[in-house]
Amino acid sequence: PRSASQSPAFLWGPLCSVRREKRCSKGKISDIEKTVGIRLENEGRRGHQLEPDLSEEVSAWLRLGSGSNGLLRRKMSILETKEKNCSGRDRDKRTDDLLELTEDMEKEISNALGHGPQDEILSSAFKLRITRGDIQTLKNYHWLNDEVINFYMNLLVERNKKQGYPALHAFSTFFYPKLKSGGYQAVKRWTKGVNLFEQELILVPIHRKVHWSLVVIDLRKKCLKYLDSMGQKGHRICEILLQYLQEESKTKRNIDPNLLEWTHYSMKPHEIPQQVNGSDCGMFTCKYADYISRDKPITFTQHQMPLFRKKMVWEILHQQLL
């Protein structure tokens, strides 16, 4: 359950719902990782059904903290070795990801991440308002909240309206929990004015208790892919979304698609970049979406996350992708 409590003694509130719209919005991992593990463990004892493959793995990762744990250091060392050994051609493929920020950009980003009223609105578009508090979830080792992820997904959709990019639709982070709890009728109006079946790609950000992941629906290939930076599987999530597509097709265009023509697949850890800390799942979700929405191989690494966080601050402030 998502409590509205903001009491400092009740850390689950800042973790998953400072406001209902601000899941996973505040606090460094090092401040709350123990509470997360205890909470998940207690929910399991009380018989609450956790998402499959979730609690043990996520709790283990969260206990890695933000840099002091020996296991985390070993993982970072392995990652650094792979980076050094990668071929020049592989490095060249990533040059667009290594865009350097100008001095003015750095100053603007620093100001947005600095002190000021938390409710000050710094960017407004797509019927969304991004406050300084929202932007500050993009600080290193912080968890991204719904507002930041939803704003970024809208930036991807706007980018893809340009010639040469796949036709793209992105659902809100609140779509899947609404679908899961209320069925098709609960989200029937979410596509008012949008024909999903004229799109090529559909992005569905997923929030699993304390973890962000992504489903990509490719209507060209009739497949759903689940991408998770902790290597979890999302078969049930894909099945629910596939059932939604069937209902949407029957309702909106009077066509009952043959689900046997569709496939779904959970990407394996060796197939996509994986996080090596307990804080970057939201960033990985956003960058998976960025690369896939351009039909581009996913070549980024954990090392680039601090730069990606800064870039995302600038992109949200300017409502424009770099």
C-alpha atoms as a PDB file:
ATOM      1  CA  PRO A   1       0.000   0.000   0.000  1.00  0.00           C
ATOM      2  CA  ARG A   2       1.147   3.554  -0.712  1.00  0.00           C
ATOM      3  CA  SER A   3       0.973   5.569   2.490  1.00  0.00           C
ATOM      4  CA  ALA A   4       0.695   9.351   2.363  1.00  0.00           C
ATOM      5  CA  SER A   5       2.722   9.644   5.557  1.00  0.00           C
ATOM      6  CA  GLN A   6       5.641  12.058   5.381  1.00  0.00           C
ATOM      7  CA  SER A   7       6.894  11.444   8.920  1.00  0.00           C
ATOM      8  CA  PRO A   8      10.713  11.203   9.014  1.00  0.00           C
ATOM      9  CA  ALA A   9      10.325   8.071  11.117  1.00  0.00           C
ATOM     10  CA  PHE A  10       8.315   6.426   8.336  1.00  0.00           C
ATOM     11  CA  LEU A  11      10.784   6.274   5.491  1.00  0.00           C
ATOM     12  CA  TRP A  12       8.506   4.252   3.199  1.00  0.00           C
ATOM     13  CA  GLY A  13       6.557   7.472   2.557  1.00  0.00           C
ATOM     14  CA  PRO A  14       9.436   9.390   0.895  1.00  0.00           C
ATOM     15  CA  LEU A  15      10.416   6.160  -0.846  1.00  0.00           C
ATOM     16  CA  CYS A  16       7.217   5.440  -2.686  1.00  0.00           C
ATOM     17  CA  SER A  17       4.678   8.222  -2.226  1.00  0.00           C
ATOM     18  CA  VAL A  18       5.543  11.571  -0.743  1.00  0.00           C
ATOM     19  CA  ARG A  19       2.520  12.469  -2.818  1.00  0.00           C
ATOM     20  CA  ARG A  20       0.677   9.815  -4.754  1.00  0.00           C
ATOM     21  CA  GLU A  21       2.212  11.226  -7.933  1.00  0.00           C
ATOM     22  CA  LYS A  22       5.734  11.149  -6.519  1.00  0.00           C
ATOM     23  CA  ARG A  23       6.694   7.520  -6.184  1.00  0.00           C
ATOM     24  CA  CYS A  24      10.376   6.946  -5.468  1.00  0.00           C
ATOM     25  CA  SER A  25      11.029  10.638  -5.352  1.00  0.00           C
ATOM     26  CA  LYS A  26      13.316  11.523  -2.509  1.00  0.00           C
ATOM     27  CA  GLY A  27      16.236  10.358  -0.423  1.00  0.00           C
ATOM     28  CA  LYS A  28      19.602   8.831  -1.148  1.00  0.00           C
ATOM     29  CA  ILE A  29      19.705   5.080  -1.278  1.00  0.00           C
ATOM     30  CA  SER A  30      22.127   4.986   1.634  1.00  0.00           C
ATOM     31  CA  ASP A  31      19.498   6.605   3.880  1.00  0.00           C
ATOM     32  CA  ILE A  32      16.678   4.171   3.167  1.00  0.00           C
ATOM     33  CA  GLU A  33      18.014   0.874   1.862  1.00  0.00           C
ATOM     34  CA  LYS A  34      17.679  -0.920   5.209  1.00  0.00           C
ATOM     35  CA  THR A  35      14.094   0.208   5.632  1.00  0.00           C
ATOM     36  CA  VAL A  36      13.283  -1.020   2.134  1.00  0.00           C
ATOM     37  CA  GLY A  37      14.679  -4.448   2.862  1.00  0.00           C
ATOM     38  CA  ILE A  38      12.846  -4.690   6.188  1.00  0.00           C
ATOM     39  CA  ARG A  39       9.579  -3.502   4.656  1.00  0.00           C
ATOM     40  CA  LEU A  40       9.740  -6.015   1.814  1.00  0.00           C
ATOM     41  CA  GLU A  41      10.626  -8.787   4.238  1.00  0.00           C
ATOM     42  CA  ASN A  42       7.743  -7.892   6.566  1.00  0.00           C
ATOM     43  CA  GLU A  43       5.261  -7.731   3.684  1.00  0.00           C
ATOM     44  CA  GLY A  44       6.353 -11.221   2.706  1.00  0.00           C
ATOM     45  CA  ARG A  45       5.833 -12.489   6.266  1.00  0.00           C
ATOM     46  CA  ARG A  46       2.333 -11.009   6.429  1.00  0.00           C
ATOM     47  CA  GLY A  47       1.405 -12.866   3.296  1.00  0.00           C
ATOM     48  CA  HIS A  48       1.205  -9.905   0.908  1.00  0.00           C
ATOM     49  CA  GLN A  49       1.849 -11.179  -2.590  1.00  0.00           C
ATOM     50  CA  LEU A  50       4.914  -9.514  -4.084  1.00  0.00           C
ATOM     51  CA  GLU A  51       5.557  -9.220  -7.795  1.00  0.00           C
ATOM     52  CA  PRO A  52       7.300 -12.365  -9.068  1.00  0.00           C
ATOM     53  CA  ASP A  53      11.115 -12.353  -8.933  1.00  0.00           C
ATOM     54  CA  LEU A  54      11.069  -9.050  -7.079  1.00  0.00           C
ATOM     55  CA  SER A  55      11.708  -8.929  -3.374  1.00  0.00           C
ATOM     56  CA  GLU A  56      14.919 -10.875  -2.824  1.00  0.00           C
ATOM     57  CA  GLU A  57      16.737  -9.522  -5.844  1.00  0.00           C
ATOM     58  CA  VAL A  58      15.702  -5.903  -5.387  1.00  0.00           C
ATOM     59  CA  SER A  59      16.424  -5.986  -1.660  1.00  0.00           C
ATOM     60  CA  ALA A  60      19.864  -7.436  -2.350  1.00  0.00           C
ATOM     61  CA  TRP A  61      20.641  -4.743  -4.881  1.00  0.00           C
ATOM     62  CA  LEU A  62      19.380  -1.959  -2.645  1.00  0.00           C
ATOM     63  CA  ARG A  63      21.603  -3.154   0.163  1.00  0.00           C
ATOM     64  CA  LEU A  64      24.556  -2.448  -2.104  1.00  0.00           C
ATOM     65  CA  GLY A  65      24.066   1.210  -1.249  1.00  0.00           C
ATOM     66  CA  SER A  66      25.599   4.041  -3.207  1.00  0.00           C
ATOM     67  CA  GLY A  67      29.228   3.104  -3.278  1.00  0.00           C
ATOM     68  CA  SER A  68      30.686   1.869   0.000  1.00  0.00           C
ATOM     69  CA  ASN A  69      29.901  -1.819  -0.338  1.00  0.00           C
ATOM     70  CA  GLY A  70      32.694  -4.156  -1.411  1.00  0.00           C
ATOM     71  CA  LEU A  71      30.496  -6.112  -3.820  1.00  0.00           C
ATOM     72  CA  LEU A  72      29.475  -2.899  -5.538  1.00  0.00           C
ATOM     73  CA  ARG A  73      33.113  -1.846  -5.870  1.00  0.00           C
ATOM     74  CA  ARG A  74      33.962  -5.199  -7.449  1.00  0.00           C
ATOM     75  CA  LYS A  75      31.110  -4.841  -9.923  1.00  0.00           C
ATOM     76  CA  MET A  76      32.278  -1.321 -10.796  1.00  0.00           C
ATOM     77  CA  SER A  77      35.816  -2.623 -11.276  1.00  0.00           C
ATOM     78  CA  ILE A  78      34.579  -5.310 -13.686  1.00  0.00           C
ATOM     79  CA  LEU A  79      32.592  -2.677 -15.550  1.00  0.00           C
ATOM     80  CA  GLU A  80      35.614  -0.367 -15.808  1.00  0.00           C
ATOM     81  CA  THR A  81      37.731  -3.217 -17.180  1.00  0.00           C
ATOM     82  CA  LYS A  82      35.135  -3.952 -19.858  1.00  0.00           C
ATOM     83  CA  GLU A  83      35.038  -0.268 -20.777  1.00  0.00           C
ATOM     84  CA  LYS A  84      38.817  -0.111 -21.183  1.00  0.00           C
ATOM     85  CA  ASN A  85      38.888  -3.273 -23.283  1.00  0.00           C
ATOM     86  CA  CYS A  86      36.047  -2.364 -25.632  1.00  0.00           C
ATOM     87  CA  SER A  87      37.084  -1.868 -29.241  1.00  0.00           C
ATOM     88  CA  GLY A  88      37.559   1.538 -30.831  1.00  0.00           C
ATOM     89  CA  ARG A  89      34.585   0.874 -33.086  1.00  0.00           C
ATOM     90  CA  ASP A  90      32.378   0.229 -30.058  1.00  0.00           C
ATOM     91  CA  ARG A  91      33.592   3.437 -28.471  1.00  0.00           C
ATOM     92  CA  ASP A  92      32.887   5.334 -31.669  1.00  0.00           C
ATOM     93  CA  LYS A  93      29.302   4.054 -31.648  1.00  0.00           C
ATOM     94  CA  ARG A  94      28.855   5.790 -28.297  1.00  0.00           C
ATOM     95  CA  THR A  95      30.290   9.201 -29.204  1.00  0.00           C
ATOM     96  CA  ASP A  96      26.839  10.759 -29.376  1.00  0.00           C
ATOM     97  CA  ASP A  97      26.271   9.682 -25.782  1.00  0.00           C
ATOM     98  CA  LEU A  98      29.404  11.446 -24.585  1.00  0.00           C
ATOM     99  CA  LEU A  99      28.273  14.933 -25.528  1.00  0.00           C
ATOM    100  CA  GLU A 100      30.131  17.408 -23.363  1.00  0.00           C
ATOM    101  CA  LEU A 101      28.113  20.079 -21.598  1.00  0.00           C
ATOM    102  CA  THR A 102      29.103  23.701 -22.060  1.00  0.00           C
ATOM    103  CA  GLU A 103      29.993  25.908 -19.104  1.00  0.00           C
ATOM    104  CA  ASP A 104      26.652  27.713 -19.406  1.00  0.00           C
ATOM    105  CA  MET A 105      24.774  24.417 -19.474  1.00  0.00           C
ATOM    106  CA  GLU A 106      26.641  23.189 -16.388  1.00  0.00           C
ATOM    107  CA  LYS A 107      25.796  26.414 -14.555  1.00  0.00           C
ATOM    108  CA  GLU A 108      22.106  26.163 -15.440  1.00  0.00           C
ATOM    109  CA  ILE A 109      21.978  22.521 -14.369  1.00  0.00           C
ATOM    110  CA  SER A 110      23.750  23.313 -11.103  1.00  0.00           C
ATOM    111  CA  ASN A 111      21.285  26.109 -10.352  1.00  0.00           C
ATOM    112  CA  ALA A 112      18.313  23.810 -10.953  1.00  0.00           C
ATOM    113  CA  LEU A 113      19.795  21.175  -8.647  1.00  0.00           C
ATOM    114  CA  GLY A 114      20.697  23.801  -6.023  1.00  0.00           C
ATOM    115  CA  HIS A 115      18.840  25.406  -3.167  1.00  0.00           C
ATOM    116  CA  GLY A 116      15.470  27.018  -3.709  1.00  0.00           C
ATOM    117  CA  PRO A 117      11.763  26.506  -3.043  1.00  0.00           C
ATOM    118  CA  GLN A 118      10.949  22.842  -3.634  1.00  0.00           C
ATOM    119  CA  ASP A 119       7.577  23.710  -5.173  1.00  0.00           C
ATOM    120  CA  GLU A 120       9.036  26.251  -7.615  1.00  0.00           C
ATOM    121  CA  ILE A 121       7.959  25.299 -11.153  1.00  0.00           C
ATOM    122  CA  LEU A 122      11.011  25.055 -13.437  1.00  0.00           C
ATOM    123  CA  SER A 123       9.376  23.598 -16.561  1.00  0.00           C
ATOM    124  CA  SER A 124       5.830  23.149 -17.789  1.00  0.00           C
ATOM    125  CA  ALA A 125       4.601  21.213 -20.847  1.00  0.00           C
ATOM    126  CA  PHE A 126       2.471  18.185 -21.798  1.00  0.00           C
ATOM    127  CA  LYS A 127       0.031  19.196 -19.018  1.00  0.00           C
ATOM    128  CA  LEU A 128       2.832  18.445 -16.564  1.00  0.00           C
ATOM    129  CA  ARG A 129       4.627  20.776 -14.183  1.00  0.00           C
ATOM    130  CA  ILE A 130       8.154  20.009 -13.083  1.00  0.00           C
ATOM    131  CA  THR A 131       9.169  21.557  -9.767  1.00  0.00           C
ATOM    132  CA  ARG A 132      12.611  22.050  -8.309  1.00  0.00           C
ATOM    133  CA  GLY A 133      11.846  19.101  -6.045  1.00  0.00           C
ATOM    134  CA  ASP A 134      11.116  16.938  -9.085  1.00  0.00           C
ATOM    135  CA  ILE A 135      14.312  18.040 -10.834  1.00  0.00           C
ATOM    136  CA  GLN A 136      16.341  17.211  -7.756  1.00  0.00           C
ATOM    137  CA  THR A 137      15.447  13.549  -8.088  1.00  0.00           C
ATOM    138  CA  LEU A 138      17.971  13.721 -10.941  1.00  0.00           C
ATOM    139  CA  LYS A 139      20.834  14.240  -8.496  1.00  0.00           C
ATOM    140  CA  ASN A 140      23.263  11.331  -8.389  1.00  0.00           C
ATOM    141  CA  TYR A 141      22.076   8.401  -6.241  1.00  0.00           C
ATOM    142  CA  HIS A 142      18.471   9.664  -6.115  1.00  0.00           C
ATOM    143  CA  TRP A 143      15.468   7.790  -7.468  1.00  0.00           C
ATOM    144  CA  LEU A 144      13.547   9.389 -10.313  1.00  0.00           C
ATOM    145  CA  ASN A 145       9.896  10.155  -9.659  1.00  0.00           C
ATOM    146  CA  ASP A 146       6.839   9.821 -11.886  1.00  0.00           C
ATOM    147  CA  GLU A 147       6.864  13.439 -13.027  1.00  0.00           C
ATOM    148  CA  VAL A 148      10.417  13.304 -14.357  1.00  0.00           C
ATOM    149  CA  ILE A 149       9.887   9.991 -16.136  1.00  0.00           C
ATOM    150  CA  ASN A 150       6.566  11.074 -17.654  1.00  0.00           C
ATOM    151  CA  PHE A 151       8.023  14.386 -18.851  1.00  0.00           C
ATOM    152  CA  TYR A 152      10.972  12.606 -20.455  1.00  0.00           C
ATOM    153  CA  MET A 153       8.720  10.075 -22.190  1.00  0.00           C
ATOM    154  CA  ASN A 154       6.751  12.981 -23.664  1.00  0.00           C
ATOM    155  CA  LEU A 155       9.993  14.518 -24.927  1.00  0.00           C
ATOM    156  CA  LEU A 156      10.730  11.234 -26.712  1.00  0.00           C
ATOM    157  CA  VAL A 157       7.274  11.271 -28.331  1.00  0.00           C
ATOM    158  CA  GLU A 158       7.800  14.858 -29.513  1.00  0.00           C
ATOM    159  CA  ARG A 159      11.250  13.986 -30.877  1.00  0.00           C
ATOM    160  CA  ASN A 160       9.842  11.045 -32.795  1.00  0.00           C
ATOM    161  CA  LYS A 161       7.368  13.214 -34.661  1.00  0.00           C
ATOM    162  CA  LYS A 162      10.324  14.260 -36.789  1.00  0.00           C
ATOM    163  CA  GLN A 163      10.899  12.526 -40.093  1.00  0.00           C
ATOM    164  CA  GLY A 164      12.889   9.329 -39.930  1.00  0.00           C
ATOM    165  CA  TYR A 165      11.852   8.213 -36.442  1.00  0.00           C
ATOM    166  CA  PRO A 166       9.287   5.492 -35.666  1.00  0.00           C
ATOM    167  CA  ALA A 167       5.751   6.632 -34.822  1.00  0.00           C
ATOM    168  CA  LEU A 168       5.756   6.535 -31.027  1.00  0.00           C
ATOM    169  CA  HIS A 169       3.258   6.573 -28.166  1.00  0.00           C
ATOM    170  CA  ALA A 170       4.208   6.552 -24.484  1.00  0.00           C
ATOM    171  CA  PHE A 171       1.832   5.719 -21.666  1.00  0.00           C
ATOM    172  CA  SER A 172       1.990   7.448 -18.300  1.00  0.00           C
ATOM    173  CA  THR A 173       3.650   5.672 -15.378  1.00  0.00           C
ATOM    174  CA  PHE A 174       0.151   5.443 -13.857  1.00  0.00           C
ATOM    175  CA  PHE A 175      -1.280   3.483 -16.788  1.00  0.00           C
ATOM    176  CA  TYR A 176      -0.102  -0.026 -15.895  1.00  0.00           C
ATOM    177  CA  PRO A 177      -1.132   0.019 -12.198  1.00  0.00           C
ATOM    178  CA  LYS A 178      -4.553   1.329 -13.244  1.00  0.00           C
ATOM    179  CA  LEU A 179      -4.873  -1.414 -15.871  1.00  0.00           C
ATOM    180  CA  LYS A 180      -3.712  -4.102 -13.461  1.00  0.00           C
ATOM    181  CA  SER A 181      -6.092  -3.077 -10.686  1.00  0.00           C
ATOM    182  CA  GLY A 182      -9.153  -2.130 -12.746  1.00  0.00           C
ATOM    183  CA  GLY A 183      -8.896  -4.003 -16.024  1.00  0.00           C
ATOM    184  CA  TYR A 184      -9.533  -2.620 -19.497  1.00  0.00           C
ATOM    185  CA  GLN A 185     -12.583  -0.563 -18.517  1.00  0.00           C
ATOM    186  CA  ALA A 186     -10.440   1.441 -16.074  1.00  0.00           C
ATOM    187  CA  VAL A 187      -8.149   2.663 -18.858  1.00  0.00           C
ATOM    188  CA  LYS A 188     -10.497   2.570 -21.837  1.00  0.00           C
ATOM    189  CA  ARG A 189     -10.449   6.374 -22.169  1.00  0.00           C
ATOM    190  CA  TRP A 190      -6.671   6.717 -21.880  1.00  0.00           C
ATOM    191  CA  THR A 191      -6.320   6.518 -25.670  1.00  0.00           C
ATOM    192  CA  LYS A 192      -9.021   9.049 -26.490  1.00  0.00           C
ATOM    193  CA  GLY A 193      -7.797  10.819 -29.624  1.00  0.00           C
ATOM    194  CA  VAL A 194      -4.964   8.309 -30.126  1.00  0.00           C
ATOM    195  CA  ASN A 195      -5.036   5.294 -32.437  1.00  0.00           C
ATOM    196  CA  LEU A 196      -2.524   2.910 -30.921  1.00  0.00           C
ATOM    197  CA  PHE A 197      -2.564   0.763 -34.036  1.00  0.00           C
ATOM    198  CA  GLU A 198      -1.220   3.612 -36.165  1.00  0.00           C
ATOM    199  CA  GLN A 199       1.885   3.668 -33.973  1.00  0.00           C
ATOM    200  CA  GLU A 200       5.034   1.635 -34.551  1.00  0.00           C
ATOM    201  CA  LEU A 201       6.294   1.593 -30.975  1.00  0.00           C
ATOM    202  CA  ILE A 202       4.519   1.956 -27.640  1.00  0.00           C
ATOM    203  CA  LEU A 203       6.406   2.599 -24.383  1.00  0.00           C
ATOM    204  CA  VAL A 204       4.976   1.451 -21.045  1.00  0.00           C
ATOM    205  CA  PRO A 205       7.020   2.449 -17.960  1.00  0.00           C
ATOM    206  CA  ILE A 206       6.492  -0.050 -15.152  1.00  0.00           C
ATOM    207  CA  HIS A 207       6.859   0.517 -11.413  1.00  0.00           C
ATOM    208  CA  ARG A 208       7.326  -2.652  -9.360  1.00  0.00           C
ATOM    209  CA  LYS A 209       7.198  -1.766  -5.661  1.00  0.00           C
ATOM    210  CA  VAL A 210      10.607  -0.035  -5.489  1.00  0.00           C
ATOM    211  CA  HIS A 211      11.901  -0.511  -9.021  1.00  0.00           C
ATOM    212  CA  TRP A 212      11.419   0.985 -12.500  1.00  0.00           C
ATOM    213  CA  SER A 213      11.457  -1.053 -15.713  1.00  0.00           C
ATOM    214  CA  LEU A 214      10.061  -0.784 -19.243  1.00  0.00           C
ATOM    215  CA  VAL A 215       7.866  -2.655 -21.691  1.00  0.00           C
ATOM    216  CA  VAL A 216       8.252  -1.832 -25.385  1.00  0.00           C
ATOM    217  CA  ILE A 217       5.398  -2.886 -27.671  1.00  0.00           C
ATOM    218  CA  ASP A 218       6.566  -3.162 -31.285  1.00  0.00           C
ATOM    219  CA  LEU A 219       3.511  -3.260 -33.520  1.00  0.00           C
ATOM    220  CA  ARG A 220       5.686  -3.772 -36.593  1.00  0.00           C
ATOM    221  CA  LYS A 221       7.000  -7.082 -35.283  1.00  0.00           C
ATOM    222  CA  LYS A 222       3.987  -7.959 -33.121  1.00  0.00           C
ATOM    223  CA  CYS A 223       6.122  -8.402 -30.045  1.00  0.00           C
ATOM    224  CA  LEU A 224       6.483  -7.089 -26.522  1.00  0.00           C
ATOM    225  CA  LYS A 225       9.860  -6.784 -24.839  1.00  0.00           C
ATOM    226  CA  TYR A 226      10.437  -6.321 -21.136  1.00  0.00           C
ATOM    227  CA  LEU A 227      13.630  -4.456 -20.202  1.00  0.00           C
ATOM    228  CA  ASP A 228      14.839  -4.522 -16.623  1.00  0.00           C
ATOM    229  CA  SER A 229      18.160  -3.141 -15.364  1.00  0.00           C
ATOM    230  CA  MET A 230      18.217  -5.762 -12.601  1.00  0.00           C
ATOM    231  CA  GLY A 231      17.573  -8.680 -14.922  1.00  0.00           C
ATOM    232  CA  GLN A 232      14.104  -9.534 -13.634  1.00  0.00           C
ATOM    233  CA  LYS A 233      11.513 -11.191 -15.837  1.00  0.00           C
ATOM    234  CA  GLY A 234       8.235  -9.566 -16.842  1.00  0.00           C
ATOM    235  CA  HIS A 235       6.203 -12.339 -18.445  1.00  0.00           C
ATOM    236  CA  ARG A 236       3.028 -11.632 -16.467  1.00  0.00           C
ATOM    237  CA  ILE A 237       3.299  -7.897 -17.146  1.00  0.00           C
ATOM    238  CA  CYS A 238       3.581  -8.564 -20.889  1.00  0.00           C
ATOM    239  CA  GLU A 239       0.582 -10.925 -20.779  1.00  0.00           C
ATOM    240  CA  ILE A 240      -1.554  -8.237 -19.111  1.00  0.00           C
ATOM    241  CA  LEU A 241      -0.503  -5.673 -21.724  1.00  0.00           C
ATOM    242  CA  LEU A 242      -1.129  -8.106 -24.567  1.00  0.00           C
ATOM    243  CA  GLN A 243      -4.624  -8.719 -23.245  1.00  0.00           C
ATOM    244  CA  TYR A 244      -5.097  -4.940 -23.115  1.00  0.00           C
ATOM    245  CA  LEU A 245      -4.090  -4.628 -26.781  1.00  0.00           C
ATOM    246  CA  GLN A 246      -6.627  -7.263 -27.712  1.00  0.00           C
ATOM    247  CA  GLU A 247      -9.414  -5.437 -25.843  1.00  0.00           C
ATOM    248  CA  GLU A 248      -8.361  -2.091 -27.306  1.00  0.00           C
ATOM    249  CA  SER A 249      -8.417  -3.496 -30.826  1.00  0.00           C
ATOM    250  CA  LYS A 250     -11.849  -5.083 -30.398  1.00  0.00           C
ATOM    251  CA  THR A 251     -13.301  -1.931 -28.837  1.00  0.00           C
ATOM    252  CA  LYS A 252     -11.742   0.785 -30.978  1.00  0.00           C
ATOM    253  CA  ARG A 253     -11.561  -0.851 -34.414  1.00  0.00           C
ATOM    254  CA  ASN A 254     -13.786  -3.929 -34.123  1.00  0.00           C
ATOM    255  CA  ILE A 255     -10.908  -6.305 -34.904  1.00  0.00           C
ATOM    256  CA  ASP A 256     -10.078  -9.283 -32.696  1.00  0.00           C
ATOM    257  CA  PRO A 257      -6.337  -9.841 -33.183  1.00  0.00           C
ATOM    258  CA  ASN A 258      -4.912 -13.337 -33.134  1.00  0.00           C
ATOM    259  CA  LEU A 259      -2.731 -13.353 -30.023  1.00  0.00           C
ATOM    260  CA  LEU A 260      -0.934 -16.440 -31.314  1.00  0.00           C
ATOM    261  CA  GLU A 261       0.770 -14.141 -33.836  1.00  0.00           C
ATOM    262  CA  TRP A 262       2.271 -12.130 -30.982  1.00  0.00           C
ATOM    263  CA  THR A 263       5.323 -12.892 -28.872  1.00  0.00           C
ATOM    264  CA  HIS A 264       6.699 -11.458 -25.661  1.00  0.00           C
ATOM    265  CA  TYR A 265      10.189 -11.708 -24.275  1.00  0.00           C
ATOM    266  CA  SER A 266      12.091 -10.594 -21.170  1.00  0.00           C
ATOM    267  CA  MET A 267      15.504  -9.287 -22.160  1.00  0.00           C
ATOM    268  CA  LYS A 268      18.292 -11.209 -20.454  1.00  0.00           C
ATOM    269  CA  PRO A 269      20.916  -9.400 -18.350  1.00  0.00           C
ATOM    270  CA  HIS A 270      23.658  -9.989 -20.908  1.00  0.00           C
ATOM    271  CA  GLU A 271      21.524  -8.473 -23.682  1.00  0.00           C
ATOM    272  CA  ILE A 272      21.014  -5.004 -22.207  1.00  0.00           C
ATOM    273  CA  PRO A 273      23.036  -2.767 -19.857  1.00  0.00           C
ATOM    274  CA  GLN A 274      22.510  -3.485 -16.167  1.00  0.00           C
ATOM    275  CA  GLN A 275      22.758  -1.100 -13.223  1.00  0.00           C
ATOM    276  CA  VAL A 276      25.484  -1.707 -10.635  1.00  0.00           C
ATOM    277  CA  ASN A 277      23.957   0.414  -7.873  1.00  0.00           C
ATOM    278  CA  GLY A 278      20.598   0.714  -6.142  1.00  0.00           C
ATOM    279  CA  SER A 279      19.566   4.091  -7.529  1.00  0.00           C
ATOM    280  CA  ASP A 280      19.663   4.211 -11.330  1.00  0.00           C
ATOM    281  CA  CYS A 281      16.710   2.018 -12.369  1.00  0.00           C
ATOM    282  CA  GLY A 282      14.679   5.064 -13.466  1.00  0.00           C
ATOM    283  CA  MET A 283      17.573   6.375 -15.544  1.00  0.00           C
ATOM    284  CA  PHE A 284      18.071   3.002 -17.218  1.00  0.00           C
ATOM    285  CA  THR A 285      14.343   2.862 -17.983  1.00  0.00           C
ATOM    286  CA  CYS A 286      14.460   6.289 -19.627  1.00  0.00           C
ATOM    287  CA  LYS A 287      17.589   5.529 -21.640  1.00  0.00           C
ATOM    288  CA  TYR A 288      16.258   2.149 -22.785  1.00  0.00           C
ATOM    289  CA  ALA A 289      13.258   4.092 -24.091  1.00  0.00           C
ATOM    290  CA  ASP A 290      15.482   6.696 -25.761  1.00  0.00           C
ATOM    291  CA  TYR A 291      17.576   4.162 -27.671  1.00  0.00           C
ATOM    292  CA  ILE A 292      14.754   1.825 -28.644  1.00  0.00           C
ATOM    293  CA  SER A 293      12.528   4.675 -29.822  1.00  0.00           C
ATOM    294  CA  ARG A 294      15.284   5.500 -32.323  1.00  0.00           C
ATOM    295  CA  ASP A 295      15.673   1.830 -33.363  1.00  0.00           C
ATOM    296  CA  LYS A 296      19.225   2.115 -32.061  1.00  0.00           C
ATOM    297  CA  PRO A 297      21.316  -0.604 -30.394  1.00  0.00           C
ATOM    298  CA  ILE A 298      21.481  -0.057 -26.632  1.00  0.00           C
ATOM    299  CA  THR A 299      25.143   0.728 -26.115  1.00  0.00           C
ATOM    300  CA  PHE A 300      25.242   2.954 -23.023  1.00  0.00           C
ATOM    301  CA  THR A 301      26.791   1.873 -19.721  1.00  0.00           C
ATOM    302  CA  GLN A 302      26.495   2.560 -16.005  1.00  0.00           C
ATOM    303  CA  HIS A 303      29.440   4.967 -16.277  1.00  0.00           C
ATOM    304  CA  GLN A 304      27.389   7.387 -18.344  1.00  0.00           C
ATOM    305  CA  MET A 305      24.575   7.781 -15.826  1.00  0.00           C
ATOM    306  CA  PRO A 306      25.966  10.890 -14.059  1.00  0.00           C
ATOM    307  CA  LEU A 307      26.228  12.644 -17.442  1.00  0.00           C
ATOM    308  CA  PHE A 308      22.795  11.390 -18.524  1.00  0.00           C
ATOM    309  CA  ARG A 309      21.311  12.770 -15.315  1.00  0.00           C
ATOM    310  CA  LYS A 310      22.764  16.209 -16.003  1.00  0.00           C
ATOM    311  CA  LYS A 311      21.639  16.085 -19.630  1.00  0.00           C
ATOM    312  CA  MET A 312      18.128  15.175 -18.558  1.00  0.00           C
ATOM    313  CA  VAL A 313      17.983  18.207 -16.246  1.00  0.00           C
ATOM    314  CA  TRP A 314      18.855  20.471 -19.181  1.00  0.00           C
ATOM    315  CA  GLU A 315      16.467  18.651 -21.526  1.00  0.00           C
ATOM    316  CA  ILE A 316      13.554  19.044 -19.131  1.00  0.00           C
ATOM    317  CA  LEU A 317      14.320  22.707 -18.481  1.00  0.00           C
ATOM    318  CA  HIS A 318      14.488  23.417 -22.222  1.00  0.00           C
ATOM    319  CA  GLN A 319      11.834  20.884 -23.256  1.00  0.00           C
ATOM    320  CA  GLN A 320      14.222  19.638 -25.914  1.00  0.00           C
ATOM    321  CA  LEU A 321      16.366  16.518 -26.224  1.00  0.00           C
ATOM    322  CA  LEU A 322      20.082  16.920 -26.818  1.00  0.00           C
END
